[in-house]
Amino acid sequence: FRRVLFRSDKMDQLPTPKLLTFEGNEAENWRRWIQKFPVFLNATDIDRKPQQQQCSTLLIVAGVEALKIFNMFGLSEEERVKIEEVISKFKEYCTPKKNVT
């Protein structure tokens, strides 16, 4: 996969985080990816933009597989544009369920 360079007012070009992968250890992949994403939002000033734009950025940067999974969440139109809700759903999806006996 090719990494895209993102244009920003603060910096000429900034590489996007690597695509979010759902192969192997999903929980660890998610943990590492979501650690970088807020840093990317801050570096590009997108964290100051409306939540809808932040959600769109998450889906573009995370990649096609993440978009497919996002579409399975069944979020309402209102929930689809709340960054905390979208992040929460991905975290829930990527975190293994614990079997308490």
C-alpha atoms as a PDB file:
ATOM      1  CA  PHE A   1       0.000   0.000   0.000  1.00  0.00           C
ATOM      2  CA  ARG A   2       1.101   3.504  -0.748  1.00  0.00           C
ATOM      3  CA  ARG A   3       1.103   6.082   2.025  1.00  0.00           C
ATOM      4  CA  VAL A   4      -0.608   9.333   1.153  1.00  0.00           C
ATOM      5  CA  LEU A   5       0.884  12.688   1.944  1.00  0.00           C
ATOM      6  CA  PHE A   6      -1.580  15.028   3.613  1.00  0.00           C
ATOM      7  CA  ARG A   7      -1.436  18.753   2.978  1.00  0.00           C
ATOM      8  CA  SER A   8      -1.707  20.959   6.024  1.00  0.00           C
ATOM      9  CA  ASP A   9      -1.541  24.670   6.750  1.00  0.00           C
ATOM     10  CA  LYS A  10       0.981  23.934   9.509  1.00  0.00           C
ATOM     11  CA  MET A  11       3.265  21.724   7.428  1.00  0.00           C
ATOM     12  CA  ASP A  12       3.795  21.316   3.721  1.00  0.00           C
ATOM     13  CA  GLN A  13       3.247  17.594   3.641  1.00  0.00           C
ATOM     14  CA  LEU A  14       2.662  15.107   6.375  1.00  0.00           C
ATOM     15  CA  PRO A  15       2.535  11.319   5.909  1.00  0.00           C
ATOM     16  CA  THR A  16      -0.684   9.731   7.074  1.00  0.00           C
ATOM     17  CA  PRO A  17      -0.610   6.909   9.613  1.00  0.00           C
ATOM     18  CA  LYS A  18      -0.373   3.448   8.065  1.00  0.00           C
ATOM     19  CA  LEU A  19      -3.636   1.728   7.203  1.00  0.00           C
ATOM     20  CA  LEU A  20      -5.461   0.063  10.072  1.00  0.00           C
ATOM     21  CA  THR A  21      -5.044  -3.675   9.581  1.00  0.00           C
ATOM     22  CA  PHE A  22      -7.499  -6.289  10.766  1.00  0.00           C
ATOM     23  CA  GLU A  23      -5.232  -9.287  10.255  1.00  0.00           C
ATOM     24  CA  GLY A  24      -3.316 -10.878  13.080  1.00  0.00           C
ATOM     25  CA  ASN A  25      -3.710  -9.289  16.498  1.00  0.00           C
ATOM     26  CA  GLU A  26      -6.566  -6.816  15.906  1.00  0.00           C
ATOM     27  CA  ALA A  27      -6.459  -5.464  19.446  1.00  0.00           C
ATOM     28  CA  GLU A  28      -2.755  -4.624  19.223  1.00  0.00           C
ATOM     29  CA  ASN A  29      -3.119  -3.218  15.694  1.00  0.00           C
ATOM     30  CA  TRP A  30      -5.948  -0.984  16.908  1.00  0.00           C
ATOM     31  CA  ARG A  31      -4.059   0.103  20.037  1.00  0.00           C
ATOM     32  CA  ARG A  32      -1.048   1.208  17.993  1.00  0.00           C
ATOM     33  CA  TRP A  33      -3.104   2.833  15.249  1.00  0.00           C
ATOM     34  CA  ILE A  34      -5.379   4.820  17.565  1.00  0.00           C
ATOM     35  CA  GLN A  35      -2.349   6.056  19.485  1.00  0.00           C
ATOM     36  CA  LYS A  36      -1.062   7.715  16.296  1.00  0.00           C
ATOM     37  CA  PHE A  37      -4.376   9.023  14.960  1.00  0.00           C
ATOM     38  CA  PRO A  38      -4.965  11.851  17.512  1.00  0.00           C
ATOM     39  CA  VAL A  39      -1.365  12.975  16.981  1.00  0.00           C
ATOM     40  CA  PHE A  40      -2.067  13.154  13.246  1.00  0.00           C
ATOM     41  CA  LEU A  41      -5.280  15.132  13.869  1.00  0.00           C
ATOM     42  CA  ASN A  42      -3.389  17.570  16.065  1.00  0.00           C
ATOM     43  CA  ALA A  43      -0.459  17.980  13.668  1.00  0.00           C
ATOM     44  CA  THR A  44      -2.858  18.804  10.837  1.00  0.00           C
ATOM     45  CA  ASP A  45      -5.223  20.962  12.941  1.00  0.00           C
ATOM     46  CA  ILE A  46      -8.086  18.626  12.044  1.00  0.00           C
ATOM     47  CA  ASP A  47      -8.747  18.210  15.763  1.00  0.00           C
ATOM     48  CA  ARG A  48     -10.089  21.788  15.622  1.00  0.00           C
ATOM     49  CA  LYS A  49     -12.484  20.964  12.798  1.00  0.00           C
ATOM     50  CA  PRO A  50     -16.063  19.701  13.197  1.00  0.00           C
ATOM     51  CA  GLN A  51     -16.453  16.123  14.406  1.00  0.00           C
ATOM     52  CA  GLN A  52     -17.902  15.077  11.057  1.00  0.00           C
ATOM     53  CA  GLN A  53     -14.635  16.054   9.362  1.00  0.00           C
ATOM     54  CA  GLN A  54     -12.643  14.194  12.020  1.00  0.00           C
ATOM     55  CA  CYS A  55     -14.749  11.051  11.400  1.00  0.00           C
ATOM     56  CA  SER A  56     -14.241  11.373   7.662  1.00  0.00           C
ATOM     57  CA  THR A  57     -10.503  11.727   8.187  1.00  0.00           C
ATOM     58  CA  LEU A  58     -10.436   8.630  10.393  1.00  0.00           C
ATOM     59  CA  LEU A  59     -12.190   6.575   7.731  1.00  0.00           C
ATOM     60  CA  ILE A  60     -10.013   7.833   4.878  1.00  0.00           C
ATOM     61  CA  VAL A  61      -6.768   7.334   6.796  1.00  0.00           C
ATOM     62  CA  ALA A  62      -7.791   3.927   8.233  1.00  0.00           C
ATOM     63  CA  GLY A  63      -8.543   2.524   4.778  1.00  0.00           C
ATOM     64  CA  VAL A  64     -11.107   0.512   2.837  1.00  0.00           C
ATOM     65  CA  GLU A  65     -11.324  -2.408   5.283  1.00  0.00           C
ATOM     66  CA  ALA A  66     -12.068  -0.011   8.136  1.00  0.00           C
ATOM     67  CA  LEU A  67     -14.785   1.634   6.055  1.00  0.00           C
ATOM     68  CA  LYS A  68     -16.394  -1.759   5.393  1.00  0.00           C
ATOM     69  CA  ILE A  69     -16.376  -2.513   9.116  1.00  0.00           C
ATOM     70  CA  PHE A  70     -17.708   0.970   9.934  1.00  0.00           C
ATOM     71  CA  ASN A  71     -20.660   0.324   7.627  1.00  0.00           C
ATOM     72  CA  MET A  72     -21.540  -2.792   9.675  1.00  0.00           C
ATOM     73  CA  PHE A  73     -21.793  -0.877  12.973  1.00  0.00           C
ATOM     74  CA  GLY A  74     -25.394   0.194  12.336  1.00  0.00           C
ATOM     75  CA  LEU A  75     -24.817   3.703  13.670  1.00  0.00           C
ATOM     76  CA  SER A  76     -27.533   6.325  13.346  1.00  0.00           C
ATOM     77  CA  GLU A  77     -26.870   9.402  11.205  1.00  0.00           C
ATOM     78  CA  GLU A  78     -26.197  11.344  14.401  1.00  0.00           C
ATOM     79  CA  GLU A  79     -23.754   8.753  15.777  1.00  0.00           C
ATOM     80  CA  ARG A  80     -21.861   8.441  12.456  1.00  0.00           C
ATOM     81  CA  VAL A  81     -20.519  11.983  12.830  1.00  0.00           C
ATOM     82  CA  LYS A  82     -19.423  11.799  16.483  1.00  0.00           C
ATOM     83  CA  ILE A  83     -15.724  10.982  16.659  1.00  0.00           C
ATOM     84  CA  GLU A  84     -15.936   9.510  20.163  1.00  0.00           C
ATOM     85  CA  GLU A  85     -18.748   7.182  19.080  1.00  0.00           C
ATOM     86  CA  VAL A  86     -16.882   6.001  15.976  1.00  0.00           C
ATOM     87  CA  ILE A  87     -13.678   5.401  17.937  1.00  0.00           C
ATOM     88  CA  SER A  88     -15.646   3.552  20.619  1.00  0.00           C
ATOM     89  CA  LYS A  89     -17.213   1.233  18.032  1.00  0.00           C
ATOM     90  CA  PHE A  90     -13.838   0.418  16.473  1.00  0.00           C
ATOM     91  CA  LYS A  91     -12.370  -0.230  19.909  1.00  0.00           C
ATOM     92  CA  GLU A  92     -15.265  -2.540  20.742  1.00  0.00           C
ATOM     93  CA  TYR A  93     -14.853  -4.345  17.410  1.00  0.00           C
ATOM     94  CA  CYS A  94     -11.089  -4.803  17.783  1.00  0.00           C
ATOM     95  CA  THR A  95     -10.999  -5.733  21.461  1.00  0.00           C
ATOM     96  CA  PRO A  96     -11.473  -9.439  22.082  1.00  0.00           C
ATOM     97  CA  LYS A  97     -14.392 -10.459  24.233  1.00  0.00           C
ATOM     98  CA  LYS A  98     -13.386 -11.887  27.597  1.00  0.00           C
ATOM     99  CA  ASN A  99     -14.971 -15.146  28.650  1.00  0.00           C
ATOM    100  CA  VAL A 100     -15.646 -14.891  32.372  1.00  0.00           C
ATOM    101  CA  THR A 101     -16.575 -18.228  33.900  1.00  0.00           C
END
